[in-house]
Amino acid sequence: MPHRGGKLVTPDGRYFVVRGRLWRLADPKLSDVDRERLVSTLMAARRAIAAAKRAGDAAGEEKAHAAVDRAKRELGERGPVWWTDGAPDFNRRMARNTPYADWYAEAQNDLPAKASRRP
């Protein structure tokens, strides 16, 4: 089964799977420089969310959530899909409830005995 960075990745390279849920990968057409910049921006925004929560700063938290959303959209993980074949987006859906269901079931069967088999 395809893996990228330790993640189970769909055969078409559009999603990775966590606990049975599909999550859209970043646009592979992004340059390494742009991807690194956007990931850095995303992680800073996530840290800002945590800091705002600790400080009880609702406005700061809202601003940081907006920054996360912007970065994820620029990465291609949210918003319009980055592929051009007209296939629908299954981001955040359970793999078993999508056209990836058979692939995911097979991937689960290929897991080592010690690995979690939660759907």
Protein backbone atom coordinates (compact mmCIF):
# COMPACT_ATOMS: atom_id res chain seq x y z
CA MET A 1 0.00 0.00 0.00
CA PRO A 2 1.27 3.49 -0.77
CA HIS A 3 2.72 5.32 2.19
CA ARG A 4 4.09 8.83 2.35
CA GLY A 5 5.80 10.05 5.47
CA GLY A 6 4.37 7.11 7.43
CA LYS A 7 0.82 7.89 6.29
CA LEU A 8 -1.45 5.53 4.39
CA VAL A 9 -2.10 7.35 1.10
CA THR A 10 -4.84 6.61 -1.43
CA PRO A 11 -3.62 5.15 -4.72
CA ASP A 12 -4.40 8.41 -6.55
CA GLY A 13 -2.33 10.44 -4.05
CA ARG A 14 -5.21 12.73 -3.11
CA TYR A 15 -5.76 11.72 0.53
CA PHE A 16 -4.08 10.19 3.53
CA VAL A 17 -6.03 8.17 6.10
CA VAL A 18 -6.19 8.70 9.86
CA ARG A 19 -8.45 6.42 11.91
CA GLY A 20 -10.40 5.55 8.78
CA ARG A 21 -10.99 9.16 7.74
CA LEU A 22 -9.71 10.68 4.49
CA TRP A 23 -7.75 13.93 4.71
CA ARG A 24 -6.81 15.82 1.56
CA LEU A 25 -3.11 16.08 0.83
CA ALA A 26 -1.46 19.31 -0.27
CA ASP A 27 -1.31 20.15 -3.95
CA PRO A 28 1.67 18.24 -5.38
CA LYS A 29 2.23 21.04 -7.90
CA LEU A 30 3.38 23.40 -5.12
CA SER A 31 7.09 24.08 -5.14
CA ASP A 32 9.09 22.85 -2.16
CA VAL A 33 9.75 26.46 -1.18
CA ASP A 34 6.06 27.38 -1.27
CA ARG A 35 5.05 24.21 0.58
CA GLU A 36 7.63 24.81 3.33
CA ARG A 37 6.54 28.45 3.68
CA LEU A 38 2.87 27.51 3.90
CA VAL A 39 3.47 24.67 6.37
CA SER A 40 5.50 27.05 8.52
CA THR A 41 2.66 29.59 8.39
CA LEU A 42 0.14 26.84 9.24
CA MET A 43 2.13 25.62 12.25
CA ALA A 44 2.60 29.18 13.55
CA ALA A 45 -1.15 29.73 13.28
CA ARG A 46 -1.82 26.50 15.17
CA ARG A 47 0.55 27.61 17.92
CA ALA A 48 -1.27 30.97 17.99
CA ILE A 49 -4.58 29.14 18.53
CA ALA A 50 -3.12 27.31 21.52
CA ALA A 51 -1.65 30.49 22.96
CA ALA A 52 -4.92 32.38 22.52
CA LYS A 53 -6.85 29.56 24.22
CA ARG A 54 -4.45 29.58 27.16
CA ALA A 55 -4.82 33.36 27.43
CA GLY A 56 -8.60 33.27 27.08
CA ASP A 57 -8.26 35.57 24.04
CA ALA A 58 -11.33 34.79 21.91
CA ALA A 59 -10.51 37.42 19.27
CA GLY A 60 -6.94 36.15 18.97
CA GLU A 61 -8.19 32.60 18.69
CA GLU A 62 -10.62 33.56 15.92
CA LYS A 63 -7.85 35.39 14.05
CA ALA A 64 -5.54 32.37 14.38
CA HIS A 65 -8.26 29.98 13.16
CA ALA A 66 -8.68 32.20 10.10
CA ALA A 67 -4.91 32.02 9.50
CA VAL A 68 -5.03 28.21 9.68
CA ASP A 69 -7.87 28.16 7.15
CA ARG A 70 -5.98 30.49 4.76
CA ALA A 71 -2.83 28.36 4.92
CA LYS A 72 -4.75 25.12 4.39
CA ARG A 73 -6.56 26.63 1.40
CA GLU A 74 -3.27 27.80 -0.13
CA LEU A 75 -1.82 24.33 0.44
CA GLY A 76 -4.83 22.85 -1.37
CA GLU A 77 -6.01 20.89 1.67
CA ARG A 78 -9.28 22.87 1.80
CA GLY A 79 -11.34 24.79 -0.69
CA PRO A 80 -11.38 23.96 -4.39
CA VAL A 81 -9.72 20.65 -5.23
CA TRP A 82 -6.34 20.72 -6.94
CA TRP A 83 -7.02 17.85 -9.33
CA THR A 84 -8.56 18.54 -12.72
CA ASP A 85 -10.40 15.35 -13.67
CA GLY A 86 -13.72 16.42 -12.14
CA ALA A 87 -13.64 13.80 -9.36
CA PRO A 88 -15.57 14.83 -6.23
CA ASP A 89 -13.90 15.71 -2.96
CA PHE A 90 -14.15 13.18 -0.13
CA ASN A 91 -12.11 15.21 2.37
CA ARG A 92 -12.96 14.38 6.00
CA ARG A 93 -15.22 11.48 5.01
CA MET A 94 -14.87 7.97 6.36
CA ALA A 95 -13.04 5.92 3.73
CA ARG A 96 -15.52 3.06 4.10
CA ASN A 97 -18.30 5.38 2.88
CA THR A 98 -16.52 6.49 -0.28
CA PRO A 99 -15.34 4.94 -3.54
CA TYR A 100 -12.11 4.17 -1.64
CA ALA A 101 -13.93 1.63 0.55
CA ASP A 102 -12.61 -1.53 -1.15
CA TRP A 103 -9.08 -0.15 -1.30
CA TYR A 104 -9.23 0.81 2.39
CA ALA A 105 -10.59 -2.59 3.43
CA GLU A 106 -7.71 -4.26 1.60
CA ALA A 107 -5.23 -1.85 3.19
CA GLN A 108 -6.62 -2.76 6.63
CA ASN A 109 -6.10 -6.45 5.85
CA ASP A 110 -2.48 -5.76 4.91
CA LEU A 111 -1.68 -4.15 8.30
CA PRO A 112 0.66 -6.05 10.61
CA ALA A 113 -1.10 -7.94 13.40
CA LYS A 114 0.05 -5.40 16.03
CA ALA A 115 -1.37 -2.41 14.15
CA SER A 116 -4.80 -1.05 14.90
CA ARG A 117 -7.51 -2.32 12.59
CA ARG A 118 -10.12 0.24 13.56
CA PRO A 119 -12.21 1.18 10.51
